[in-house]
Amino acid sequence: MTCESTLRARILPFPIDSTNSRDELNLCEFPLALLSDRRSAGRLELCFTDSLWDEAAGQQIRRSLRISAPPSYGLPTAKDEEVLLALIHYTDLVNQFSSPTVPFTRYELIRLLGWDDGGKSYQRLRESMARWKSITLDYRNAWRDHRAKCWVSEVFSLIDNVTLYDAAEQQKRGPPSQFDLPLSSFTWNRIFFDSMQAKYFKRLDFTFYQQLRTSTTKRLFRFLDKRFGSGRSHWEFDLHEFAFEHIGLSRNYDTGKIKEKLSLAIAELEACHFLQPLPREERYTKRGNQWRVTFAKGTGKPPLTMELRPCLDLQPCEVTQLLLNRNISPKTAAKLVATFDEHHIRRQLDIFDWILNHHPDSLKNPAGFFTESIRSGFSPPPGYQTPEQREQAKERRSRLKSTQADREQESAQEKLALLREREHIAAIRQSLTADRLATLEHQAMTAADVAQQKALNTPALRDFQLRLMVDAMLLKQFPLAMSSDSGNSRVRPMATAPQSRRPTTPHSHSRRR
């Protein structure tokens, strides 16, 4: 146990109820952090804008929030946003928002966050608090003054200062009682603290919030929970404004990608009964050129626990079995099936199998990668094809192979027909007398057209052209018999070289004249 852990009784001497925390309503409107748990290199600013009807002013107002961060700390991440909510919850537990300066121990905050009690967690908490101290929030007509009941513009940081005492270092200095150690503290900015004192809050089940699997789900939950708190159980938004300005999805996403990213978060909130399930055609509707997204409040009842689902414990369903076959633990498989729809799981499963078949060495922990791909909805790697695309490619290859086979068969038939035709003509020539052959050659030269005469007058072509013309005459007088699967075949005289002939069935005998 760390030295800081012994201070728990001094600050929080009672059991913590994290199901009844608080969420400041201004913080729910626009994202304050990246959706990723990692910092984005070189990105030091976030901007969000929307339009809202102001009933008090009787007009449409344009609201915006600009979040600026110094290069040393960068923009807040999804984990930092969770730390911020924990600080609000901690303030409520310690002094019920009676003072902006809040004494704390990092041990208690880490326990409240559910992190492991290790050195990395202490360092991560310090960085997160320093980051919130360093960023600047520039609200333009977007900060709600709950006392004045109007929208105002404010520029501030959420935290004015943070004081940290290293309890382990204090312990090295001597034997004083652990309860004499000075406490760390943080001080809220006046503007933000005034809003909390004005009780511009909504209730937040912090335990439920922490159990949500993705940062997109958490962001969606907080925003819609505020909107449902107004008394309306149905809300409809412009899809792109909702995704970009209120959830913080990448502005590079097209409509299809937005739906894909939102569907995972929506499915999780449906499974938790926070949202009412809606068919896709009702969830997303198009009006003119504008896509809309609709949400309906669910029953709010807790989801069925894993222990109460005998189908997963006694006889796993097909999708669960597919996960088990890929070394996913029974408990994790059950949770994934309960949280995500079958189509999403099967899609990620197909991508996972494709990677295993094509790039097996790229996965150091296949089961862990597969689990996280379901939870986060990884995009497919380059070269991946869906089962439908692979089936279409297979059909194209099959058709191409069939066409190639047909062409080869046709070519073979043509070669065979040409061979039989030559054998047929050769047999006729053998039956001819020299006089008869000379007569045929004379007739052929007499009947020659201009192109044939030109070839006959060319010494290099004369014998070949004459033979070709005589063969054509012989084939005309003694044609090959036709079969049911072939057409007429004729040898056509040519000016320079023989042409390919259509397949024919050879005659079994020749006539002697």
Protein backbone atom coordinates (compact mmCIF):
# COMPACT_ATOMS: atom_id res chain seq x y z
CA MET A 1 0.00 0.00 0.00
CA THR A 2 1.36 3.47 -0.85
CA CYS A 3 1.83 6.13 1.75
CA GLU A 4 -0.91 8.20 0.10
CA SER A 5 -3.39 5.35 0.55
CA THR A 6 -3.28 5.81 4.34
CA LEU A 7 -4.80 9.30 3.89
CA ARG A 8 -8.09 7.89 2.63
CA ALA A 9 -9.82 8.14 5.98
CA ARG A 10 -8.76 11.76 6.29
CA ILE A 11 -10.50 12.90 3.10
CA LEU A 12 -13.18 10.33 2.21
CA PRO A 13 -14.25 8.62 5.43
CA PHE A 14 -17.41 7.20 3.90
CA PRO A 15 -18.29 4.67 1.17
CA ILE A 16 -18.26 6.18 -2.32
CA ASP A 17 -21.48 6.08 -4.34
CA SER A 18 -20.33 6.64 -7.92
CA THR A 19 -23.81 6.04 -9.32
CA ASN A 20 -24.88 9.52 -8.17
CA SER A 21 -22.14 11.72 -9.56
CA ARG A 22 -22.54 15.03 -11.41
CA ASP A 23 -21.84 16.22 -14.96
CA GLU A 24 -21.62 19.95 -15.71
CA LEU A 25 -24.01 20.63 -18.59
CA ASN A 26 -21.77 23.03 -20.53
CA LEU A 27 -19.21 20.25 -20.85
CA CYS A 28 -21.75 17.96 -22.53
CA GLU A 29 -22.50 20.17 -25.53
CA PHE A 30 -19.18 20.09 -27.34
CA PRO A 31 -16.28 17.63 -27.11
CA LEU A 32 -13.38 18.80 -24.98
CA ALA A 33 -10.94 16.09 -25.99
CA LEU A 34 -9.85 13.79 -28.77
CA LEU A 35 -11.71 10.48 -29.14
CA SER A 36 -8.40 8.64 -29.05
CA ASP A 37 -6.43 7.75 -25.90
CA ARG A 38 -3.27 8.90 -27.66
CA ARG A 39 -2.08 12.41 -28.33
CA SER A 40 -2.19 13.61 -31.94
CA ALA A 41 1.27 14.79 -32.91
CA GLY A 42 1.28 18.41 -34.04
CA ARG A 43 -2.45 18.93 -33.47
CA LEU A 44 -2.93 21.70 -30.92
CA GLU A 45 -6.45 22.96 -31.60
CA LEU A 46 -10.02 21.69 -31.79
CA CYS A 47 -12.91 23.76 -33.16
CA PHE A 48 -16.61 22.99 -32.96
CA THR A 49 -19.55 25.06 -34.23
CA ASP A 50 -23.32 24.67 -34.36
CA SER A 51 -26.55 26.66 -34.63
CA LEU A 52 -29.19 26.76 -31.90
CA TRP A 53 -32.56 28.40 -31.49
CA ASP A 54 -32.40 30.69 -28.45
CA GLU A 55 -35.93 30.96 -27.07
CA ALA A 56 -35.05 33.85 -24.76
CA ALA A 57 -33.56 35.90 -27.62
CA GLY A 58 -36.12 34.63 -30.13
CA GLN A 59 -33.51 33.96 -32.79
CA GLN A 60 -31.04 31.46 -34.17
CA ILE A 61 -27.59 31.89 -32.67
CA ARG A 62 -24.24 30.59 -33.83
CA ARG A 63 -22.20 28.90 -31.11
CA SER A 64 -18.56 27.86 -31.24
CA LEU A 65 -15.84 26.43 -29.03
CA ARG A 66 -12.12 26.62 -29.71
CA ILE A 67 -9.82 24.45 -27.58
CA SER A 68 -6.14 25.45 -27.66
CA ALA A 69 -3.25 23.52 -26.15
CA PRO A 70 0.50 24.24 -25.74
CA PRO A 71 2.96 21.97 -27.57
CA SER A 72 4.40 20.67 -24.29
CA TYR A 73 1.16 18.94 -23.28
CA GLY A 74 -1.02 18.81 -26.39
CA LEU A 75 -4.76 18.35 -26.57
CA PRO A 76 -6.70 16.34 -23.97
CA THR A 77 -7.41 12.72 -24.82
CA ALA A 78 -10.40 10.49 -24.07
CA LYS A 79 -8.73 9.33 -20.83
CA ASP A 80 -8.20 12.97 -19.79
CA GLU A 81 -11.92 13.57 -20.22
CA GLU A 82 -12.59 10.73 -17.79
CA VAL A 83 -10.14 12.28 -15.31
CA LEU A 84 -12.04 15.58 -15.56
CA LEU A 85 -15.32 13.87 -14.64
CA ALA A 86 -13.57 12.13 -11.75
CA LEU A 87 -12.34 15.51 -10.45
CA ILE A 88 -15.90 16.87 -10.52
CA HIS A 89 -17.13 13.76 -8.70
CA TYR A 90 -14.30 14.04 -6.17
CA THR A 91 -15.16 17.71 -5.48
CA ASP A 92 -18.76 16.73 -4.78
CA LEU A 93 -17.60 14.01 -2.38
CA VAL A 94 -15.13 16.24 -0.52
CA ASN A 95 -16.90 19.60 -0.13
CA GLN A 96 -20.15 19.48 -2.15
CA PHE A 97 -18.85 22.39 -4.32
CA SER A 98 -18.46 24.71 -1.35
CA SER A 99 -14.85 25.64 -2.20
CA PRO A 100 -12.96 25.82 -5.52
CA THR A 101 -9.80 24.43 -3.85
CA VAL A 102 -10.04 20.70 -3.33
CA PRO A 103 -7.53 18.67 -1.26
CA PHE A 104 -6.89 15.18 -2.60
CA THR A 105 -4.59 12.21 -2.72
CA ARG A 106 -3.65 10.69 -6.02
CA TYR A 107 -4.30 7.25 -4.54
CA GLU A 108 -7.98 8.08 -4.01
CA LEU A 109 -8.38 9.57 -7.47
CA ILE A 110 -6.74 6.55 -9.07
CA ARG A 111 -9.05 4.23 -7.12
CA LEU A 112 -12.03 6.35 -8.18
CA LEU A 113 -10.93 6.00 -11.81
CA GLY A 114 -10.47 2.25 -11.46
CA TRP A 115 -6.81 2.38 -12.50
CA ASP A 116 -4.17 0.02 -11.14
CA ASP A 117 -2.16 1.33 -8.19
CA GLY A 118 1.16 1.61 -10.00
CA GLY A 119 3.70 4.28 -10.81
CA LYS A 120 2.43 4.76 -14.36
CA SER A 121 -1.04 5.61 -13.06
CA TYR A 122 0.37 8.32 -10.75
CA GLN A 123 2.36 9.83 -13.61
CA ARG A 124 -0.60 9.63 -15.98
CA LEU A 125 -2.82 11.42 -13.46
CA ARG A 126 -0.26 14.19 -13.01
CA GLU A 127 0.01 14.71 -16.79
CA SER A 128 -3.76 14.80 -17.14
CA MET A 129 -4.23 17.44 -14.44
CA ALA A 130 -1.39 19.52 -15.90
CA ARG A 131 -2.98 19.25 -19.34
CA TRP A 132 -6.34 20.54 -18.07
CA LYS A 133 -4.49 23.41 -16.40
CA SER A 134 -2.69 24.29 -19.64
CA ILE A 135 -5.50 24.26 -22.22
CA THR A 136 -7.62 27.31 -23.05
CA LEU A 137 -11.34 27.11 -23.79
CA ASP A 138 -12.72 29.89 -25.98
CA TYR A 139 -16.54 29.80 -25.86
CA ARG A 140 -18.34 32.20 -28.21
CA ASN A 141 -22.06 32.47 -27.50
CA ALA A 142 -21.68 28.88 -26.25
CA TRP A 143 -21.22 29.08 -22.45
CA ARG A 144 -24.53 28.91 -20.62
CA ASP A 145 -24.77 31.31 -17.66
CA HIS A 146 -27.27 29.39 -15.56
CA ARG A 147 -27.95 32.30 -13.22
CA ALA A 148 -28.58 34.84 -16.01
CA LYS A 149 -30.30 32.21 -18.24
CA CYS A 150 -28.43 33.29 -21.36
CA TRP A 151 -25.54 32.32 -23.62
CA VAL A 152 -22.31 34.24 -23.11
CA SER A 153 -18.74 34.21 -24.42
CA GLU A 154 -15.99 33.15 -22.03
CA VAL A 155 -12.27 32.39 -22.34
CA PHE A 156 -10.69 30.42 -19.49
CA SER A 157 -8.97 27.24 -18.32
CA LEU A 158 -10.91 24.74 -16.25
CA ILE A 159 -8.25 24.49 -13.55
CA ASP A 160 -6.29 27.45 -12.18
CA ASN A 161 -3.56 25.54 -10.39
CA VAL A 162 -2.48 22.09 -9.17
CA THR A 163 -0.29 21.45 -6.14
CA LEU A 164 1.22 17.98 -5.74
CA TYR A 165 3.08 16.53 -2.75
CA ASP A 166 5.02 13.33 -3.18
CA ALA A 167 4.06 11.29 -0.12
CA ALA A 168 6.82 8.76 -0.70
CA GLU A 169 9.41 11.56 -0.69
CA GLN A 170 7.96 12.99 2.52
CA GLN A 171 8.20 9.58 4.13
CA LYS A 172 11.99 9.48 3.48
CA ARG A 173 12.53 12.70 5.45
CA GLY A 174 11.68 11.37 8.87
CA PRO A 175 9.24 9.59 11.16
CA PRO A 176 6.42 12.16 11.51
CA SER A 177 2.92 10.72 11.51
CA GLN A 178 1.50 10.05 8.10
CA PHE A 179 -1.46 12.22 8.95
CA ASP A 180 0.86 15.24 9.25
CA LEU A 181 1.78 15.02 5.57
CA PRO A 182 0.53 17.99 3.51
CA LEU A 183 -2.19 17.19 1.02
CA SER A 184 -2.10 17.78 -2.72
CA SER A 185 -4.79 20.09 -4.07
CA PHE A 186 -6.26 21.58 -7.21
CA THR A 187 -8.27 24.78 -7.68
CA TRP A 188 -11.10 25.17 -10.15
CA ASN A 189 -11.31 28.24 -12.36
CA ARG A 190 -13.82 30.79 -11.06
CA ILE A 191 -16.05 30.74 -14.16
CA PHE A 192 -16.36 26.97 -14.17
CA PHE A 193 -16.77 26.75 -10.40
CA ASP A 194 -19.53 29.41 -10.45
CA SER A 195 -21.44 27.26 -12.94
CA MET A 196 -21.11 24.24 -10.65
CA GLN A 197 -22.22 26.29 -7.65
CA ALA A 198 -25.22 27.44 -9.69
CA LYS A 199 -26.03 23.72 -10.00
CA TYR A 200 -25.90 23.66 -13.77
CA PHE A 201 -25.66 19.89 -13.45
CA LYS A 202 -27.21 16.66 -14.52
CA ARG A 203 -26.91 13.39 -12.68
CA LEU A 204 -24.20 11.04 -13.96
CA ASP A 205 -23.88 7.38 -13.11
CA PHE A 206 -20.08 7.43 -13.13
CA THR A 207 -19.89 3.66 -12.63
CA PHE A 208 -22.08 3.06 -15.69
CA TYR A 209 -20.12 5.65 -17.66
CA GLN A 210 -16.81 3.92 -16.92
CA GLN A 211 -18.18 0.56 -18.04
CA LEU A 212 -18.99 1.88 -21.53
CA ARG A 213 -16.43 0.40 -23.87
CA THR A 214 -15.52 3.14 -26.33
CA SER A 215 -14.91 6.88 -26.06
CA THR A 216 -17.47 7.42 -28.83
CA THR A 217 -20.11 5.62 -26.75
CA LYS A 218 -19.25 7.72 -23.70
CA ARG A 219 -19.46 10.95 -25.68
CA LEU A 220 -22.77 9.92 -27.24
CA PHE A 221 -24.16 8.95 -23.83
CA ARG A 222 -23.30 12.26 -22.15
CA PHE A 223 -24.66 14.41 -24.97
CA LEU A 224 -27.95 12.51 -25.34
CA ASP A 225 -28.37 12.16 -21.57
CA LYS A 226 -28.38 15.95 -21.36
CA ARG A 227 -30.89 16.28 -24.19
CA PHE A 228 -33.21 13.62 -22.75
CA GLY A 229 -33.00 15.48 -19.43
CA SER A 230 -34.94 18.35 -20.98
CA GLY A 231 -38.07 16.18 -20.98
CA ARG A 232 -38.10 15.21 -24.66
CA SER A 233 -37.75 11.49 -25.35
CA HIS A 234 -37.12 11.86 -29.11
CA TRP A 235 -34.38 13.92 -30.76
CA GLU A 236 -33.44 14.39 -34.39
CA PHE A 237 -30.21 15.98 -35.61
CA ASP A 238 -28.41 16.77 -38.83
CA LEU A 239 -26.16 13.73 -39.13
CA HIS A 240 -22.96 15.55 -40.10
CA GLU A 241 -23.34 18.35 -37.54
CA PHE A 242 -24.13 15.81 -34.84
CA ALA A 243 -21.13 13.60 -35.68
CA PHE A 244 -18.56 16.37 -36.23
CA GLU A 245 -19.60 19.09 -33.78
CA HIS A 246 -21.03 17.13 -30.84
CA ILE A 247 -19.34 13.72 -30.96
CA GLY A 248 -16.00 14.76 -32.46
CA LEU A 249 -15.71 12.25 -35.31
CA SER A 250 -13.18 13.00 -38.03
CA ARG A 251 -14.39 15.53 -40.58
CA ASN A 252 -12.82 13.37 -43.29
CA TYR A 253 -15.52 10.73 -42.81
CA ASP A 254 -18.21 10.44 -45.46
CA THR A 255 -21.81 9.56 -44.62
CA GLY A 256 -21.22 5.81 -44.76
CA LYS A 257 -18.21 5.99 -42.43
CA ILE A 258 -20.12 8.19 -39.97
CA LYS A 259 -22.92 5.63 -39.79
CA GLU A 260 -20.40 2.82 -39.32
CA LYS A 261 -18.68 4.61 -36.42
CA LEU A 262 -21.93 5.65 -34.74
CA SER A 263 -23.54 2.22 -35.13
CA LEU A 264 -21.10 0.65 -32.65
CA ALA A 265 -21.84 3.24 -29.97
CA ILE A 266 -25.58 3.13 -30.66
CA ALA A 267 -25.61 -0.67 -30.44
CA GLU A 268 -23.92 -0.57 -27.03
CA LEU A 269 -26.37 2.01 -25.67
CA GLU A 270 -29.27 -0.02 -27.07
CA ALA A 271 -27.95 -3.12 -25.29
CA CYS A 272 -27.86 -1.09 -22.07
CA HIS A 273 -31.47 0.04 -22.70
CA PHE A 274 -30.39 3.69 -22.66
CA LEU A 275 -31.55 4.03 -26.28
CA GLN A 276 -34.63 2.54 -27.89
CA PRO A 277 -33.68 0.22 -30.78
CA LEU A 278 -34.70 1.60 -34.16
CA PRO A 279 -34.52 0.04 -37.64
CA ARG A 280 -31.74 1.50 -39.76
CA GLU A 281 -34.23 3.17 -42.11
CA GLU A 282 -35.76 4.99 -39.11
CA ARG A 283 -32.44 5.75 -37.44
CA TYR A 284 -31.09 7.45 -40.58
CA THR A 285 -33.40 9.36 -42.90
CA LYS A 286 -32.65 11.61 -45.85
CA ARG A 287 -34.47 14.87 -46.51
CA GLY A 288 -33.39 16.34 -49.80
CA ASN A 289 -29.61 16.30 -49.68
CA GLN A 290 -29.45 16.23 -45.89
CA TRP A 291 -29.06 13.11 -43.78
CA ARG A 292 -30.76 13.08 -40.36
CA VAL A 293 -30.22 10.84 -37.35
CA THR A 294 -32.93 10.07 -34.77
CA PHE A 295 -32.67 8.89 -31.17
CA ALA A 296 -35.41 7.69 -28.84
CA LYS A 297 -34.95 7.30 -25.10
CA GLY A 298 -34.92 3.71 -23.86
CA THR A 299 -36.45 2.17 -20.78
CA GLY A 300 -33.34 2.78 -18.73
CA LYS A 301 -33.52 -0.73 -17.23
CA PRO A 302 -30.16 -2.45 -16.62
CA PRO A 303 -29.12 -5.00 -19.23
CA LEU A 304 -29.42 -8.71 -18.61
CA THR A 305 -26.24 -9.88 -16.87
CA MET A 306 -24.03 -12.54 -18.32
CA GLU A 307 -24.83 -14.95 -15.49
CA LEU A 308 -28.51 -14.88 -16.40
CA ARG A 309 -27.94 -15.88 -20.00
CA PRO A 310 -27.86 -19.70 -19.98
CA CYS A 311 -27.58 -19.84 -23.76
CA LEU A 312 -24.07 -18.43 -23.43
CA ASP A 313 -23.07 -20.63 -20.49
CA LEU A 314 -24.61 -23.98 -21.40
CA GLN A 315 -24.82 -24.08 -25.16
CA PRO A 316 -23.05 -21.17 -26.87
CA CYS A 317 -24.84 -19.67 -29.84
CA GLU A 318 -23.19 -19.74 -33.25
CA VAL A 319 -21.53 -16.30 -32.99
CA THR A 320 -20.23 -17.04 -29.49
CA GLN A 321 -18.79 -20.32 -30.69
CA LEU A 322 -17.01 -18.52 -33.52
CA LEU A 323 -15.33 -16.29 -30.93
CA LEU A 324 -14.44 -19.25 -28.71
CA ASN A 325 -12.87 -20.99 -31.72
CA ARG A 326 -10.50 -18.03 -32.04
CA ASN A 327 -9.26 -18.28 -28.45
CA ILE A 328 -11.55 -15.59 -27.01
CA SER A 329 -12.36 -16.42 -23.38
CA PRO A 330 -15.99 -17.48 -22.63
CA LYS A 331 -16.56 -14.44 -20.41
CA THR A 332 -15.22 -11.97 -22.99
CA ALA A 333 -17.11 -13.69 -25.81
CA ALA A 334 -20.35 -13.44 -23.84
CA LYS A 335 -19.84 -9.72 -23.23
CA LEU A 336 -19.03 -9.04 -26.88
CA VAL A 337 -22.13 -10.88 -28.08
CA ALA A 338 -24.28 -9.02 -25.55
CA THR A 339 -22.87 -5.62 -26.52
CA PHE A 340 -22.42 -5.72 -30.30
CA ASP A 341 -24.75 -6.85 -33.06
CA GLU A 342 -24.04 -10.03 -35.00
CA HIS A 343 -23.38 -8.24 -38.30
CA HIS A 344 -20.60 -6.13 -36.74
CA ILE A 345 -18.97 -9.13 -35.04
CA ARG A 346 -19.06 -11.23 -38.21
CA ARG A 347 -17.56 -8.39 -40.24
CA GLN A 348 -14.64 -7.98 -37.82
CA LEU A 349 -14.27 -11.76 -37.68
CA ASP A 350 -13.91 -11.94 -41.46
CA ILE A 351 -11.30 -9.16 -41.42
CA PHE A 352 -9.44 -10.98 -38.64
CA ASP A 353 -9.46 -14.28 -40.55
CA TRP A 354 -8.23 -12.48 -43.68
CA ILE A 355 -5.29 -10.99 -41.77
CA LEU A 356 -4.45 -14.42 -40.31
CA ASN A 357 -4.42 -15.94 -43.80
CA HIS A 358 -2.47 -13.18 -45.53
CA HIS A 359 -0.31 -11.56 -42.79
CA PRO A 360 -0.11 -14.01 -39.87
CA ASP A 361 3.22 -12.65 -38.63
CA SER A 362 1.73 -9.17 -38.08
CA LEU A 363 -0.34 -10.34 -35.07
CA LYS A 364 1.63 -10.87 -31.88
CA ASN A 365 -1.53 -11.36 -29.82
CA PRO A 366 -4.27 -12.54 -32.22
CA ALA A 367 -7.01 -12.98 -29.59
CA GLY A 368 -6.32 -9.56 -28.07
CA PHE A 369 -6.28 -7.90 -31.48
CA PHE A 370 -9.54 -9.58 -32.46
CA THR A 371 -11.26 -8.54 -29.22
CA GLU A 372 -10.16 -4.92 -29.60
CA SER A 373 -11.17 -4.87 -33.27
CA ILE A 374 -14.75 -5.74 -32.26
CA ARG A 375 -14.79 -3.11 -29.52
CA SER A 376 -13.24 -0.33 -31.59
CA GLY A 377 -14.41 -1.25 -35.09
CA PHE A 378 -11.04 -1.37 -36.86
CA SER A 379 -11.01 -0.43 -40.53
CA PRO A 380 -10.01 -3.25 -42.90
CA PRO A 381 -6.37 -3.32 -44.07
CA PRO A 382 -5.35 -2.59 -47.69
CA GLY A 383 -6.13 -5.46 -50.02
CA TYR A 384 -9.01 -6.78 -47.95
CA GLN A 385 -12.18 -7.76 -49.79
CA THR A 386 -15.57 -8.45 -48.26
CA PRO A 387 -17.09 -11.94 -48.71
CA GLU A 388 -19.39 -10.46 -51.37
CA GLN A 389 -16.43 -8.97 -53.25
CA ARG A 390 -14.52 -12.25 -53.02
CA GLU A 391 -17.53 -14.18 -54.34
CA GLN A 392 -17.88 -11.75 -57.25
CA ALA A 393 -14.16 -12.11 -58.04
CA LYS A 394 -14.52 -15.89 -57.91
CA GLU A 395 -17.43 -15.76 -60.36
CA ARG A 396 -15.42 -13.51 -62.70
CA ARG A 397 -12.50 -15.95 -62.63
CA SER A 398 -14.88 -18.83 -63.27
CA ARG A 399 -16.43 -17.06 -66.25
CA LEU A 400 -13.01 -16.12 -67.59
CA LYS A 401 -11.81 -19.70 -67.21
CA SER A 402 -14.93 -20.99 -68.94
CA THR A 403 -14.51 -18.51 -71.78
CA GLN A 404 -10.85 -19.47 -72.15
CA ALA A 405 -11.81 -23.16 -72.25
CA ASP A 406 -14.43 -22.44 -74.92
CA ARG A 407 -11.87 -20.54 -76.97
CA GLU A 408 -9.34 -23.34 -76.69
CA GLN A 409 -11.97 -25.91 -77.69
CA GLU A 410 -13.03 -23.79 -80.67
CA SER A 411 -9.41 -23.35 -81.74
CA ALA A 412 -8.82 -27.11 -81.52
CA GLN A 413 -11.94 -27.77 -83.59
CA GLU A 414 -10.82 -25.27 -86.21
CA LYS A 415 -7.38 -26.88 -86.43
CA LEU A 416 -8.95 -30.34 -86.75
CA ALA A 417 -11.37 -29.13 -89.45
CA LEU A 418 -8.54 -27.48 -91.38
CA LEU A 419 -6.47 -30.67 -91.17
CA ARG A 420 -9.35 -32.79 -92.47
CA GLU A 421 -10.03 -30.27 -95.23
CA ARG A 422 -6.41 -30.46 -96.37
CA GLU A 423 -6.51 -34.26 -96.26
CA HIS A 424 -9.74 -34.17 -98.29
CA ILE A 425 -8.21 -31.91 -100.98
CA ALA A 426 -4.97 -33.92 -101.03
CA ALA A 427 -6.98 -37.09 -101.69
CA ILE A 428 -8.81 -35.41 -104.58
CA ARG A 429 -5.55 -34.12 -106.11
CA GLN A 430 -4.08 -37.65 -106.04
CA SER A 431 -7.06 -38.87 -108.06
CA LEU A 432 -6.57 -36.24 -110.78
CA THR A 433 -4.62 -36.83 -114.01
CA ALA A 434 -2.01 -34.33 -115.11
CA ASP A 435 -4.26 -33.12 -117.94
CA ARG A 436 -7.19 -32.65 -115.62
CA LEU A 437 -5.03 -30.69 -113.17
CA ALA A 438 -3.70 -28.52 -116.01
CA THR A 439 -7.27 -27.81 -117.15
CA LEU A 440 -8.25 -26.76 -113.64
CA GLU A 441 -5.24 -24.46 -113.37
CA HIS A 442 -6.13 -22.82 -116.71
CA GLN A 443 -9.76 -22.32 -115.56
CA ALA A 444 -8.54 -20.83 -112.29
CA MET A 445 -6.23 -18.33 -114.01
CA THR A 446 -8.98 -17.37 -116.44
CA ALA A 447 -11.45 -16.70 -113.59
CA ALA A 448 -8.90 -14.83 -111.41
CA ASP A 449 -9.90 -11.38 -110.18
CA VAL A 450 -7.59 -8.35 -110.09
CA ALA A 451 -5.98 -9.20 -106.71
CA GLN A 452 -5.45 -12.81 -107.73
CA GLN A 453 -3.97 -11.78 -111.08
CA LYS A 454 -1.54 -9.53 -109.26
CA ALA A 455 -0.45 -12.44 -107.04
CA LEU A 456 -0.12 -14.74 -110.08
CA ASN A 457 2.15 -12.18 -111.76
CA THR A 458 4.42 -12.16 -108.69
CA PRO A 459 6.93 -15.03 -109.06
CA ALA A 460 7.25 -15.61 -105.30
CA LEU A 461 3.47 -15.95 -104.92
CA ARG A 462 2.44 -17.53 -108.24
CA ASP A 463 2.62 -21.26 -107.31
CA PHE A 464 1.02 -20.74 -103.90
CA GLN A 465 -1.83 -18.60 -105.33
CA LEU A 466 -2.49 -21.02 -108.16
CA ARG A 467 -2.62 -23.98 -105.82
CA LEU A 468 -4.94 -22.07 -103.51
CA MET A 469 -7.34 -21.25 -106.35
CA VAL A 470 -7.40 -24.82 -107.63
CA ASP A 471 -8.02 -26.15 -104.10
CA ALA A 472 -10.98 -23.81 -103.81
CA MET A 473 -12.40 -25.12 -107.06
CA LEU A 474 -11.94 -28.73 -105.94
CA LEU A 475 -13.59 -28.05 -102.59
CA LYS A 476 -16.51 -26.43 -104.36
CA GLN A 477 -16.96 -29.38 -106.68
CA PHE A 478 -16.39 -32.00 -103.97
CA PRO A 479 -17.53 -30.38 -100.67
CA LEU A 480 -17.05 -31.96 -97.26
CA ALA A 481 -20.16 -33.40 -95.70
CA MET A 482 -21.73 -31.25 -92.92
CA SER A 483 -22.36 -32.58 -89.40
CA SER A 484 -25.10 -31.39 -87.04
CA ASP A 485 -22.64 -29.42 -84.89
CA SER A 486 -20.75 -27.62 -87.64
CA GLY A 487 -21.40 -25.19 -90.43
CA ASN A 488 -20.35 -25.17 -94.09
CA SER A 489 -16.61 -24.93 -94.58
CA ARG A 490 -15.05 -23.58 -97.76
CA VAL A 491 -11.49 -22.88 -98.75
CA ARG A 492 -11.37 -19.32 -99.96
CA PRO A 493 -8.66 -18.27 -102.40
CA MET A 494 -6.39 -15.54 -101.05
CA ALA A 495 -4.03 -13.04 -102.56
CA THR A 496 -1.04 -13.63 -100.31
CA ALA A 497 -1.64 -16.26 -97.65
CA PRO A 498 -4.28 -18.77 -96.53
CA GLN A 499 -6.97 -17.70 -94.04
CA SER A 500 -8.27 -19.74 -91.06
CA ARG A 501 -11.38 -21.77 -91.90
CA ARG A 502 -14.53 -22.55 -89.97
CA PRO A 503 -14.69 -26.09 -88.48
CA THR A 504 -16.25 -28.70 -90.74
CA THR A 505 -16.78 -32.43 -90.74
CA PRO A 506 -14.57 -34.15 -93.37
CA HIS A 507 -16.03 -36.30 -96.08
CA SER A 508 -15.07 -39.95 -95.77
CA HIS A 509 -14.35 -40.44 -99.50
CA SER A 510 -13.37 -38.52 -102.60
CA ARG A 511 -14.76 -38.61 -106.08
CA ARG A 512 -12.54 -39.39 -109.06
CA ARG A 513 -13.37 -37.49 -112.18
